[in-house]
Amino acid sequence: ELMAAIRRCVISRTFTPVFLGSALKNKGVQPLLDGLIDYLPNPSEVTNCAIDNTNTSNAETVIMSPLRNNENPFVGLAFKLEAGRFGQLTYIRVYQGSLKKGEWTVNTRTGKRVKISRLVQMHSDEMER
């Protein structure tokens, strides 16, 4: 009953549980992972939205589809830039849609269009084409 109440409050964003632990000897790691499973919602239980600001004069909120397929427009976040041996690598978290080589996307910070010249998949320190 208490766990169900905490979960409802976490999903409605009125309560934030706090877990303490240490990476030393993995103290508290398992209760943290159990808490994630018990209290946080899965993606189908929440409504996610993105801001479409391709039109600079009027940015609008778009509700994202929970279906993970290629029928929806691309929504992603570039979260890391790295100068590698093959030039600049940009790590992207894809939230919706897909990217293909040769497509164009918009950098929302600058408003400029960027061409996707090459796509690779990283696994650990291995790069796959």
N, C-alpha and C. Protein backbone atom coordinates (compact mmCIF):
# COMPACT_ATOMS: atom_id res chain seq x y z
N GLU A 1 0.83 -1.19 0.00
CA GLU A 1 0.00 0.00 0.00
C GLU A 1 0.88 1.26 0.00
N LEU A 2 1.91 1.25 0.82
CA LEU A 2 2.82 2.40 0.88
C LEU A 2 3.58 2.55 -0.44
N MET A 3 4.04 1.42 -1.01
CA MET A 3 4.77 1.49 -2.29
C MET A 3 3.87 2.00 -3.40
N ALA A 4 2.59 1.60 -3.41
CA ALA A 4 1.66 2.08 -4.43
C ALA A 4 1.42 3.58 -4.29
N ALA A 5 1.35 4.08 -3.07
CA ALA A 5 1.16 5.52 -2.84
C ALA A 5 2.39 6.30 -3.30
N ILE A 6 3.58 5.78 -2.98
CA ILE A 6 4.81 6.45 -3.43
C ILE A 6 4.87 6.47 -4.95
N ARG A 7 4.53 5.37 -5.59
CA ARG A 7 4.55 5.29 -7.06
C ARG A 7 3.59 6.30 -7.68
N ARG A 8 2.36 6.40 -7.14
CA ARG A 8 1.39 7.38 -7.66
C ARG A 8 1.94 8.80 -7.54
N CYS A 9 2.55 9.12 -6.40
CA CYS A 9 3.09 10.47 -6.20
C CYS A 9 4.28 10.74 -7.10
N VAL A 10 5.12 9.74 -7.33
CA VAL A 10 6.27 9.92 -8.22
C VAL A 10 5.79 10.15 -9.65
N ILE A 11 4.80 9.39 -10.11
CA ILE A 11 4.28 9.55 -11.47
C ILE A 11 3.62 10.91 -11.64
N SER A 12 2.95 11.41 -10.60
CA SER A 12 2.32 12.73 -10.69
C SER A 12 3.30 13.87 -10.39
N ARG A 13 4.57 13.51 -10.11
CA ARG A 13 5.65 14.47 -9.85
C ARG A 13 5.40 15.35 -8.64
N THR A 14 4.81 14.77 -7.59
CA THR A 14 4.62 15.51 -6.34
C THR A 14 5.53 15.00 -5.24
N PHE A 15 6.27 13.93 -5.51
CA PHE A 15 7.14 13.33 -4.50
C PHE A 15 8.38 12.78 -5.20
N THR A 16 9.54 12.95 -4.56
CA THR A 16 10.78 12.43 -5.11
C THR A 16 11.47 11.58 -4.05
N PRO A 17 11.52 10.27 -4.26
CA PRO A 17 12.23 9.43 -3.29
C PRO A 17 13.74 9.61 -3.44
N VAL A 18 14.44 9.49 -2.33
CA VAL A 18 15.89 9.64 -2.32
C VAL A 18 16.50 8.36 -1.75
N PHE A 19 17.46 7.81 -2.47
CA PHE A 19 18.16 6.61 -2.02
C PHE A 19 19.62 6.98 -1.77
N LEU A 20 20.19 6.43 -0.71
CA LEU A 20 21.59 6.67 -0.38
C LEU A 20 22.36 5.37 -0.52
N GLY A 21 23.61 5.48 -0.93
CA GLY A 21 24.43 4.29 -1.06
C GLY A 21 25.85 4.68 -1.41
N SER A 22 26.65 3.70 -1.66
CA SER A 22 28.04 3.93 -1.98
C SER A 22 28.46 2.99 -3.10
N ALA A 23 29.28 3.48 -4.00
CA ALA A 23 29.81 2.62 -5.05
C ALA A 23 30.88 1.69 -4.47
N LEU A 24 31.43 2.06 -3.33
CA LEU A 24 32.42 1.21 -2.67
C LEU A 24 31.73 -0.03 -2.14
N LYS A 25 32.15 -1.17 -2.60
CA LYS A 25 31.59 -2.48 -2.22
C LYS A 25 30.11 -2.61 -2.58
N ASN A 26 29.63 -1.77 -3.50
CA ASN A 26 28.25 -1.82 -3.99
C ASN A 26 27.20 -1.73 -2.88
N LYS A 27 27.47 -0.95 -1.86
CA LYS A 27 26.51 -0.77 -0.77
C LYS A 27 25.36 0.13 -1.26
N GLY A 28 24.16 -0.38 -1.25
CA GLY A 28 22.99 0.41 -1.62
C GLY A 28 22.67 0.38 -3.10
N VAL A 29 23.44 -0.32 -3.92
CA VAL A 29 23.18 -0.34 -5.35
C VAL A 29 21.92 -1.15 -5.66
N GLN A 30 21.78 -2.30 -5.06
CA GLN A 30 20.60 -3.14 -5.34
C GLN A 30 19.31 -2.47 -4.88
N PRO A 31 19.24 -1.85 -3.68
CA PRO A 31 18.00 -1.14 -3.34
C PRO A 31 17.70 0.03 -4.29
N LEU A 32 18.72 0.68 -4.82
CA LEU A 32 18.50 1.74 -5.80
C LEU A 32 17.86 1.18 -7.06
N LEU A 33 18.39 0.09 -7.58
CA LEU A 33 17.82 -0.52 -8.78
C LEU A 33 16.41 -1.04 -8.53
N ASP A 34 16.19 -1.61 -7.36
CA ASP A 34 14.83 -2.07 -7.01
C ASP A 34 13.86 -0.88 -6.93
N GLY A 35 14.33 0.24 -6.40
CA GLY A 35 13.49 1.44 -6.32
C GLY A 35 13.13 1.98 -7.69
N LEU A 36 14.07 1.91 -8.63
CA LEU A 36 13.77 2.34 -10.00
C LEU A 36 12.64 1.50 -10.58
N ILE A 37 12.72 0.21 -10.38
CA ILE A 37 11.69 -0.69 -10.90
C ILE A 37 10.35 -0.44 -10.20
N ASP A 38 10.39 -0.26 -8.89
CA ASP A 38 9.16 -0.16 -8.10
C ASP A 38 8.44 1.18 -8.28
N TYR A 39 9.19 2.29 -8.42
CA TYR A 39 8.57 3.61 -8.32
C TYR A 39 8.49 4.39 -9.63
N LEU A 40 9.42 4.19 -10.56
CA LEU A 40 9.41 5.00 -11.77
C LEU A 40 8.48 4.40 -12.82
N PRO A 41 7.85 5.25 -13.63
CA PRO A 41 6.92 4.74 -14.65
C PRO A 41 7.67 4.19 -15.85
N ASN A 42 7.02 3.27 -16.56
CA ASN A 42 7.59 2.86 -17.83
C ASN A 42 7.10 3.83 -18.91
N PRO A 43 7.73 3.88 -20.06
CA PRO A 43 7.40 4.90 -21.07
C PRO A 43 5.94 4.91 -21.52
N SER A 44 5.24 3.79 -21.43
CA SER A 44 3.85 3.78 -21.87
C SER A 44 2.90 4.40 -20.83
N GLU A 45 3.38 4.66 -19.62
CA GLU A 45 2.53 5.22 -18.57
C GLU A 45 2.57 6.74 -18.49
N VAL A 46 3.41 7.38 -19.26
CA VAL A 46 3.52 8.83 -19.21
C VAL A 46 3.38 9.41 -20.62
N THR A 47 3.01 10.67 -20.69
CA THR A 47 2.92 11.37 -21.96
C THR A 47 4.15 12.24 -22.10
N ASN A 48 4.91 12.01 -23.16
CA ASN A 48 6.11 12.80 -23.41
C ASN A 48 5.83 13.78 -24.52
N CYS A 49 6.41 14.96 -24.41
CA CYS A 49 6.24 15.96 -25.47
C CYS A 49 7.58 16.58 -25.80
N ALA A 50 7.66 17.09 -27.01
CA ALA A 50 8.85 17.76 -27.50
C ALA A 50 8.43 19.13 -28.02
N ILE A 51 9.39 20.01 -28.17
CA ILE A 51 9.13 21.35 -28.68
C ILE A 51 9.64 21.42 -30.11
N ASP A 52 8.74 21.72 -31.03
CA ASP A 52 9.10 21.87 -32.43
C ASP A 52 9.33 23.35 -32.68
N ASN A 53 10.60 23.74 -32.73
CA ASN A 53 10.92 25.14 -32.96
C ASN A 53 11.62 25.32 -34.30
N THR A 54 11.24 24.51 -35.29
CA THR A 54 11.78 24.71 -36.64
C THR A 54 11.27 26.01 -37.22
N ASN A 55 10.07 26.41 -36.83
CA ASN A 55 9.54 27.72 -37.18
C ASN A 55 9.91 28.65 -36.03
N THR A 56 10.91 29.50 -36.22
CA THR A 56 11.47 30.29 -35.11
C THR A 56 10.48 31.28 -34.52
N SER A 57 9.48 31.70 -35.27
CA SER A 57 8.55 32.68 -34.73
C SER A 57 7.48 32.04 -33.85
N ASN A 58 7.23 30.73 -34.03
CA ASN A 58 6.16 30.08 -33.27
C ASN A 58 6.57 28.66 -32.93
N ALA A 59 7.12 28.46 -31.73
CA ALA A 59 7.47 27.11 -31.27
C ALA A 59 6.24 26.46 -30.69
N GLU A 60 5.98 25.21 -31.06
CA GLU A 60 4.80 24.52 -30.57
C GLU A 60 5.19 23.20 -29.90
N THR A 61 4.36 22.76 -28.97
CA THR A 61 4.58 21.51 -28.27
C THR A 61 3.94 20.38 -29.06
N VAL A 62 4.72 19.31 -29.24
CA VAL A 62 4.25 18.15 -29.99
C VAL A 62 4.27 16.95 -29.05
N ILE A 63 3.15 16.24 -28.98
CA ILE A 63 3.09 15.03 -28.14
C ILE A 63 3.72 13.89 -28.92
N MET A 64 4.68 13.23 -28.27
CA MET A 64 5.42 12.17 -28.94
C MET A 64 4.66 10.85 -28.83
N SER A 65 4.81 10.05 -29.86
CA SER A 65 4.14 8.75 -29.90
C SER A 65 4.93 7.74 -29.08
N PRO A 66 4.24 6.90 -28.29
CA PRO A 66 4.97 5.88 -27.53
C PRO A 66 5.45 4.73 -28.41
N LEU A 67 4.93 4.64 -29.64
CA LEU A 67 5.38 3.61 -30.57
C LEU A 67 6.75 3.95 -31.09
N ARG A 68 7.65 2.99 -31.07
CA ARG A 68 9.01 3.22 -31.53
C ARG A 68 9.15 2.64 -32.94
N ASN A 69 8.72 3.43 -33.93
CA ASN A 69 8.84 3.00 -35.32
C ASN A 69 9.30 4.18 -36.17
N ASN A 70 9.43 3.96 -37.46
CA ASN A 70 9.96 4.99 -38.35
C ASN A 70 8.88 5.86 -38.97
N GLU A 71 7.63 5.70 -38.55
CA GLU A 71 6.55 6.48 -39.14
C GLU A 71 6.49 7.90 -38.58
N ASN A 72 7.11 8.15 -37.46
CA ASN A 72 7.05 9.46 -36.83
C ASN A 72 8.30 10.26 -37.18
N PRO A 73 8.20 11.59 -37.13
CA PRO A 73 9.39 12.41 -37.43
C PRO A 73 10.48 12.21 -36.39
N PHE A 74 11.72 12.45 -36.78
CA PHE A 74 12.87 12.26 -35.90
C PHE A 74 12.87 13.27 -34.76
N VAL A 75 13.06 12.77 -33.55
CA VAL A 75 13.28 13.61 -32.36
C VAL A 75 14.46 12.99 -31.63
N GLY A 76 15.52 13.76 -31.41
CA GLY A 76 16.69 13.24 -30.74
C GLY A 76 17.44 14.32 -30.01
N LEU A 77 18.43 13.90 -29.23
CA LEU A 77 19.25 14.82 -28.45
C LEU A 77 20.71 14.46 -28.65
N ALA A 78 21.49 15.41 -29.16
CA ALA A 78 22.93 15.23 -29.25
C ALA A 78 23.52 15.58 -27.90
N PHE A 79 24.07 14.57 -27.21
CA PHE A 79 24.50 14.81 -25.83
C PHE A 79 25.99 14.78 -25.63
N LYS A 80 26.75 14.41 -26.66
CA LYS A 80 28.20 14.37 -26.48
C LYS A 80 28.87 14.57 -27.83
N LEU A 81 29.88 15.41 -27.87
CA LEU A 81 30.70 15.61 -29.06
C LEU A 81 32.10 15.12 -28.75
N GLU A 82 32.68 14.40 -29.68
CA GLU A 82 34.00 13.83 -29.46
C GLU A 82 34.82 13.95 -30.73
N ALA A 83 36.05 14.43 -30.61
CA ALA A 83 36.95 14.47 -31.75
C ALA A 83 37.71 13.15 -31.80
N GLY A 84 37.29 12.27 -32.68
CA GLY A 84 37.89 10.95 -32.79
C GLY A 84 38.86 10.87 -33.94
N ARG A 85 39.34 9.68 -34.20
CA ARG A 85 40.32 9.52 -35.28
C ARG A 85 39.67 9.64 -36.66
N PHE A 86 38.33 9.59 -36.73
CA PHE A 86 37.61 9.73 -37.99
C PHE A 86 36.94 11.09 -38.09
N GLY A 87 37.33 12.04 -37.28
CA GLY A 87 36.70 13.35 -37.27
C GLY A 87 35.77 13.48 -36.08
N GLN A 88 34.85 14.43 -36.15
CA GLN A 88 33.96 14.68 -35.03
C GLN A 88 32.86 13.62 -34.98
N LEU A 89 32.69 13.02 -33.81
CA LEU A 89 31.59 12.09 -33.56
C LEU A 89 30.58 12.80 -32.66
N THR A 90 29.31 12.67 -32.99
CA THR A 90 28.24 13.22 -32.17
C THR A 90 27.38 12.07 -31.69
N TYR A 91 27.29 11.91 -30.38
CA TYR A 91 26.47 10.86 -29.79
C TYR A 91 25.04 11.37 -29.68
N ILE A 92 24.09 10.59 -30.17
CA ILE A 92 22.69 11.03 -30.22
C ILE A 92 21.81 10.02 -29.51
N ARG A 93 20.92 10.51 -28.69
CA ARG A 93 19.87 9.69 -28.08
C ARG A 93 18.63 9.91 -28.92
N VAL A 94 18.09 8.85 -29.55
CA VAL A 94 16.93 8.94 -30.42
C VAL A 94 15.68 8.66 -29.59
N TYR A 95 14.76 9.61 -29.56
CA TYR A 95 13.52 9.45 -28.82
C TYR A 95 12.38 8.97 -29.71
N GLN A 96 12.43 9.35 -30.98
CA GLN A 96 11.35 9.00 -31.89
C GLN A 96 11.87 9.08 -33.31
N GLY A 97 11.38 8.21 -34.18
CA GLY A 97 11.75 8.25 -35.58
C GLY A 97 13.10 7.60 -35.84
N SER A 98 13.71 7.95 -36.96
CA SER A 98 15.00 7.38 -37.32
C SER A 98 15.78 8.37 -38.17
N LEU A 99 17.07 8.12 -38.29
CA LEU A 99 17.96 8.91 -39.13
C LEU A 99 18.57 8.01 -40.19
N LYS A 100 18.81 8.58 -41.36
CA LYS A 100 19.49 7.85 -42.41
C LYS A 100 20.59 8.75 -42.98
N LYS A 101 21.60 8.11 -43.55
CA LYS A 101 22.70 8.85 -44.16
C LYS A 101 22.15 9.74 -45.27
N GLY A 102 22.59 10.98 -45.28
CA GLY A 102 22.16 11.94 -46.30
C GLY A 102 20.97 12.79 -45.91
N GLU A 103 20.28 12.46 -44.81
CA GLU A 103 19.14 13.27 -44.37
C GLU A 103 19.61 14.55 -43.70
N TRP A 104 18.70 15.48 -43.57
CA TRP A 104 18.98 16.75 -42.92
C TRP A 104 18.20 16.82 -41.62
N THR A 105 18.81 17.43 -40.60
CA THR A 105 18.13 17.68 -39.34
C THR A 105 18.44 19.12 -38.92
N VAL A 106 17.71 19.61 -37.94
CA VAL A 106 17.86 21.00 -37.52
C VAL A 106 18.53 21.06 -36.15
N ASN A 107 19.58 21.86 -36.03
CA ASN A 107 20.19 22.14 -34.73
C ASN A 107 19.33 23.20 -34.07
N THR A 108 18.59 22.83 -33.02
CA THR A 108 17.64 23.76 -32.42
C THR A 108 18.32 24.92 -31.70
N ARG A 109 19.56 24.73 -31.29
CA ARG A 109 20.26 25.82 -30.60
C ARG A 109 20.61 26.94 -31.57
N THR A 110 21.09 26.57 -32.77
CA THR A 110 21.50 27.58 -33.74
C THR A 110 20.45 27.83 -34.81
N GLY A 111 19.53 26.90 -35.02
CA GLY A 111 18.52 27.04 -36.05
C GLY A 111 19.01 26.63 -37.43
N LYS A 112 20.24 26.11 -37.52
CA LYS A 112 20.81 25.73 -38.81
C LYS A 112 20.52 24.28 -39.14
N ARG A 113 20.44 24.00 -40.43
CA ARG A 113 20.26 22.63 -40.89
C ARG A 113 21.62 21.94 -40.94
N VAL A 114 21.63 20.66 -40.54
CA VAL A 114 22.87 19.88 -40.51
C VAL A 114 22.62 18.61 -41.32
N LYS A 115 23.56 18.29 -42.22
CA LYS A 115 23.43 17.07 -43.03
C LYS A 115 24.07 15.91 -42.27
N ILE A 116 23.39 14.78 -42.26
CA ILE A 116 23.91 13.57 -41.64
C ILE A 116 24.78 12.87 -42.69
N SER A 117 26.08 13.01 -42.57
CA SER A 117 26.98 12.49 -43.60
C SER A 117 27.35 11.03 -43.40
N ARG A 118 27.40 10.59 -42.14
CA ARG A 118 27.77 9.20 -41.87
C ARG A 118 27.17 8.79 -40.54
N LEU A 119 26.71 7.55 -40.47
CA LEU A 119 26.16 7.00 -39.23
C LEU A 119 26.95 5.76 -38.85
N VAL A 120 27.31 5.67 -37.59
CA VAL A 120 27.98 4.48 -37.07
C VAL A 120 27.30 4.11 -35.76
N GLN A 121 27.43 2.86 -35.39
CA GLN A 121 26.90 2.39 -34.11
C GLN A 121 28.08 2.06 -33.21
N MET A 122 28.08 2.64 -32.02
CA MET A 122 29.15 2.40 -31.06
C MET A 122 28.74 1.31 -30.09
N HIS A 123 29.66 0.40 -29.85
CA HIS A 123 29.47 -0.62 -28.82
C HIS A 123 30.77 -0.68 -28.03
N SER A 124 30.70 -0.19 -26.78
CA SER A 124 31.88 -0.08 -25.95
C SER A 124 32.87 0.84 -26.67
N ASP A 125 34.03 0.36 -27.05
CA ASP A 125 34.96 1.19 -27.80
C ASP A 125 35.08 0.76 -29.24
N GLU A 126 34.16 -0.08 -29.72
CA GLU A 126 34.15 -0.56 -31.09
C GLU A 126 33.14 0.23 -31.92
N MET A 127 33.56 0.65 -33.11
CA MET A 127 32.69 1.40 -33.99
C MET A 127 32.26 0.49 -35.14
N GLU A 128 30.94 0.36 -35.35
CA GLU A 128 30.41 -0.46 -36.43
C GLU A 128 29.71 0.43 -37.44
N ARG A 129 29.87 0.11 -38.70
CA ARG A 129 29.18 0.89 -39.74
C ARG A 129 27.83 0.31 -40.01
